[in-house]
C-alpha atoms as a PDB file:
ATOM      1  CA  MET A   1     -17.357   2.860  10.427  1.00  0.00           C
ATOM      2  CA  VAL A   2     -13.326   3.746  11.187  1.00  0.00           C
ATOM      3  CA  LYS A   3     -10.310   1.960  11.397  1.00  0.00           C
ATOM      4  CA  GLY A   4      -7.589   2.918  12.959  1.00  0.00           C
ATOM      5  CA  TYR A   5      -4.778   1.182  13.505  1.00  0.00           C
ATOM      6  CA  LEU A   6      -2.165   2.396  16.871  1.00  0.00           C
ATOM      7  CA  LEU A   7       1.803   1.882  16.654  1.00  0.00           C
ATOM      8  CA  ILE A   8       2.774   2.483  20.165  1.00  0.00           C
ATOM      9  CA  LYS A   9       6.184   2.272  21.913  1.00  0.00           C
ATOM     10  CA  LEU A  10       5.874   0.939  25.568  1.00  0.00           C
ATOM     11  CA  VAL A  11       7.995   1.339  28.351  1.00  0.00           C
ATOM     12  CA  PRO A  12      10.610  -1.088  28.934  1.00  0.00           C
ATOM     13  CA  GLY A  13       9.378  -3.483  32.053  1.00  0.00           C
ATOM     14  CA  LEU A  14       6.138  -2.090  31.719  1.00  0.00           C
ATOM     15  CA  GLU A  15       4.371  -4.043  28.891  1.00  0.00           C
ATOM     16  CA  SER A  16       2.739  -6.417  29.763  1.00  0.00           C
ATOM     17  CA  SER A  17       0.666  -4.570  32.659  1.00  0.00           C
ATOM     18  CA  ALA A  18       0.152  -2.002  29.158  1.00  0.00           C
ATOM     19  CA  LEU A  19      -0.757  -4.313  27.374  1.00  0.00           C
ATOM     20  CA  SER A  20      -3.655  -5.969  29.693  1.00  0.00           C
ATOM     21  CA  GLN A  21      -4.902  -2.048  29.710  1.00  0.00           C
ATOM     22  CA  ILE A  22      -5.295  -1.787  26.396  1.00  0.00           C
ATOM     23  CA  ARG A  23      -6.833  -4.311  25.561  1.00  0.00           C
ATOM     24  CA  ALA A  24      -9.307  -4.122  28.144  1.00  0.00           C
ATOM     25  CA  ILE A  25     -10.314  -0.244  25.764  1.00  0.00           C
ATOM     26  CA  PRO A  26     -13.665  -1.105  24.403  1.00  0.00           C
ATOM     27  CA  GLY A  27     -13.500  -0.575  20.787  1.00  0.00           C
ATOM     28  CA  VAL A  28      -9.963  -2.165  20.623  1.00  0.00           C
ATOM     29  CA  THR A  29     -10.474  -5.030  18.730  1.00  0.00           C
ATOM     30  CA  ASP A  30      -6.821  -6.044  18.714  1.00  0.00           C
ATOM     31  CA  LEU A  31      -3.610  -6.120  19.320  1.00  0.00           C
ATOM     32  CA  ASN A  32       0.092  -7.783  19.433  1.00  0.00           C
ATOM     33  CA  LEU A  33       2.920  -7.198  20.244  1.00  0.00           C
ATOM     34  CA  VAL A  34       5.727  -6.814  17.464  1.00  0.00           C
ATOM     35  CA  PHE A  35       9.301  -6.321  17.199  1.00  0.00           C
ATOM     36  CA  GLY A  36      11.156  -3.067  15.934  1.00  0.00           C
ATOM     37  CA  GLY A  37       9.800   0.534  15.716  1.00  0.00           C
ATOM     38  CA  TRP A  38       7.406   0.097  17.709  1.00  0.00           C
ATOM     39  CA  ASP A  39       6.617  -2.963  20.221  1.00  0.00           C
ATOM     40  CA  ALA A  40       2.962  -3.041  20.226  1.00  0.00           C
ATOM     41  CA  ILE A  41      -0.471  -2.505  17.177  1.00  0.00           C
ATOM     42  CA  ALA A  42      -3.022  -2.160  18.648  1.00  0.00           C
ATOM     43  CA  THR A  43      -6.773  -1.881  16.068  1.00  0.00           C
ATOM     44  CA  ALA A  44      -9.206  -0.335  16.562  1.00  0.00           C
ATOM     45  CA  GLU A  45     -12.790   0.443  15.043  1.00  0.00           C
ATOM     46  CA  VAL A  46     -15.013   2.787  15.987  1.00  0.00           C
ATOM     47  CA  LYS A  47     -18.102   4.535  14.396  1.00  0.00           C
ATOM     48  CA  SER A  48     -16.361   7.282  14.030  1.00  0.00           C
ATOM     49  CA  LEU A  49     -13.315   9.866  14.129  1.00  0.00           C
ATOM     50  CA  PHE A  50     -13.904  11.520  17.776  1.00  0.00           C
ATOM     51  CA  GLU A  51     -14.514   8.539  18.846  1.00  0.00           C
ATOM     52  CA  LEU A  52     -11.312   7.213  17.708  1.00  0.00           C
ATOM     53  CA  SER A  53      -9.742   9.944  19.378  1.00  0.00           C
ATOM     54  CA  ARG A  54     -10.759  10.458  21.941  1.00  0.00           C
ATOM     55  CA  ILE A  55      -9.356   5.845  22.470  1.00  0.00           C
ATOM     56  CA  ILE A  56      -6.509   7.040  21.367  1.00  0.00           C
ATOM     57  CA  VAL A  57      -5.269  10.435  24.065  1.00  0.00           C
ATOM     58  CA  GLY A  58      -8.094   9.460  26.530  1.00  0.00           C
ATOM     59  CA  GLU A  59      -7.477   5.745  27.117  1.00  0.00           C
ATOM     60  CA  VAL A  60      -4.727   4.527  24.700  1.00  0.00           C
ATOM     61  CA  ARG A  61      -2.378   7.478  25.986  1.00  0.00           C
ATOM     62  CA  SER A  62      -2.950   7.072  29.392  1.00  0.00           C
ATOM     63  CA  VAL A  63      -2.673   4.078  29.933  1.00  0.00           C
ATOM     64  CA  GLN A  64       0.342   4.137  32.315  1.00  0.00           C
ATOM     65  CA  GLY A  65       3.558   2.386  30.384  1.00  0.00           C
ATOM     66  CA  VAL A  66       2.877   3.565  26.973  1.00  0.00           C
ATOM     67  CA  GLN A  67       4.960   5.880  26.146  1.00  0.00           C
ATOM     68  CA  ASP A  68       4.497   7.410  22.105  1.00  0.00           C
ATOM     69  CA  THR A  69       0.985   6.325  20.015  1.00  0.00           C
ATOM     70  CA  SER A  70       1.457   7.248  16.163  1.00  0.00           C
ATOM     71  CA  THR A  71      -1.740   6.213  14.806  1.00  0.00           C
ATOM     72  CA  LEU A  72      -2.412   4.997  11.059  1.00  0.00           C
ATOM     73  CA  VAL A  73      -6.774   5.406   9.600  1.00  0.00           C
ATOM     74  CA  GLN A  74      -7.479   3.012   7.565  1.00  0.00           C
ATOM     75  CA  GLY A  75      -8.997   4.682   3.583  1.00  0.00           C
ATOM     76  CA  GLU A  76     -10.432   3.500   1.235  1.00  0.00           C
ATOM     77  CA  LEU A  77      -9.996   3.810  -2.580  1.00  0.00           C
END
Protein backbone atom coordinates (compact mmCIF):
# COMPACT_ATOMS: atom_id res chain seq x y z
CA MET A 1 0.00 0.00 0.00
CA VAL A 2 1.27 3.47 -0.94
CA LYS A 3 0.19 6.46 1.11
CA GLY A 4 0.65 10.01 -0.14
CA TYR A 5 0.02 13.40 1.39
CA LEU A 6 -1.01 15.98 -1.20
CA LEU A 7 -0.41 19.61 -0.32
CA ILE A 8 -2.80 21.71 -2.36
CA LYS A 9 -3.03 25.43 -3.17
CA LEU A 10 -6.47 26.61 -4.23
CA VAL A 11 -7.72 29.55 -6.27
CA PRO A 12 -9.50 32.07 -4.03
CA GLY A 13 -13.26 31.83 -4.46
CA LEU A 14 -13.19 28.27 -5.79
CA GLU A 15 -12.20 26.50 -2.55
CA SER A 16 -15.55 24.93 -1.70
CA SER A 17 -16.16 23.50 -5.15
CA ALA A 18 -12.59 22.22 -5.49
CA LEU A 19 -12.66 20.54 -2.08
CA SER A 20 -15.94 18.77 -2.91
CA GLN A 21 -14.51 17.45 -6.17
CA ILE A 22 -11.27 16.28 -4.53
CA ARG A 23 -13.19 14.46 -1.75
CA ALA A 24 -15.05 12.49 -4.43
CA ILE A 25 -11.86 11.13 -6.07
CA PRO A 26 -11.45 7.38 -5.46
CA GLY A 27 -8.33 6.77 -3.38
CA VAL A 28 -8.55 10.07 -1.48
CA THR A 29 -9.20 8.97 2.09
CA ASP A 30 -9.02 12.29 3.93
CA LEU A 31 -9.05 15.99 3.08
CA ASN A 32 -8.50 18.91 5.44
CA LEU A 33 -8.59 22.65 4.92
CA VAL A 34 -5.49 24.23 6.48
CA PHE A 35 -4.05 27.72 6.86
CA GLY A 36 -0.50 28.70 5.93
CA GLY A 37 1.52 28.11 2.79
CA TRP A 38 -0.99 25.52 1.55
CA ASP A 39 -4.78 25.58 1.58
CA ALA A 40 -5.57 21.87 1.92
CA ILE A 41 -3.93 18.54 2.69
CA ALA A 42 -5.36 15.38 1.17
CA THR A 43 -4.38 11.83 2.05
CA ALA A 44 -4.48 9.20 -0.67
CA GLU A 45 -4.05 5.45 -0.17
CA VAL A 46 -3.55 3.28 -3.24
CA LYS A 47 -1.91 0.00 -4.27
CA SER A 48 1.00 1.45 -6.27
CA LEU A 49 3.04 4.56 -6.95
CA PHE A 50 1.61 4.51 -10.48
CA GLU A 51 -1.94 4.80 -9.07
CA LEU A 52 -0.85 7.68 -6.83
CA SER A 53 0.63 9.46 -9.85
CA ARG A 54 -2.59 8.91 -11.80
CA ILE A 55 -4.67 10.42 -9.00
CA ILE A 56 -2.43 13.47 -8.71
CA VAL A 57 -1.85 14.22 -12.39
CA GLY A 58 -5.07 12.88 -13.87
CA GLU A 59 -7.56 13.86 -11.21
CA VAL A 60 -6.49 16.36 -8.51
CA ARG A 61 -4.58 18.70 -10.82
CA SER A 62 -7.48 18.74 -13.29
CA VAL A 63 -9.96 20.02 -10.69
CA GLN A 64 -10.95 23.60 -11.44
CA GLY A 65 -9.66 25.69 -8.55
CA VAL A 66 -6.49 23.69 -7.91
CA GLN A 67 -3.57 26.03 -8.49
CA ASP A 68 -0.58 23.95 -7.32
CA THR A 69 0.25 20.66 -5.62
CA SER A 70 3.18 19.06 -3.87
CA THR A 71 3.17 15.41 -2.84
CA LEU A 72 4.86 13.65 0.07
CA VAL A 73 5.04 9.87 -0.15
CA GLN A 74 5.03 7.97 3.13
CA GLY A 75 8.22 6.04 3.82
CA GLU A 76 9.13 3.30 6.26
CA LEU A 77 12.32 2.58 8.17
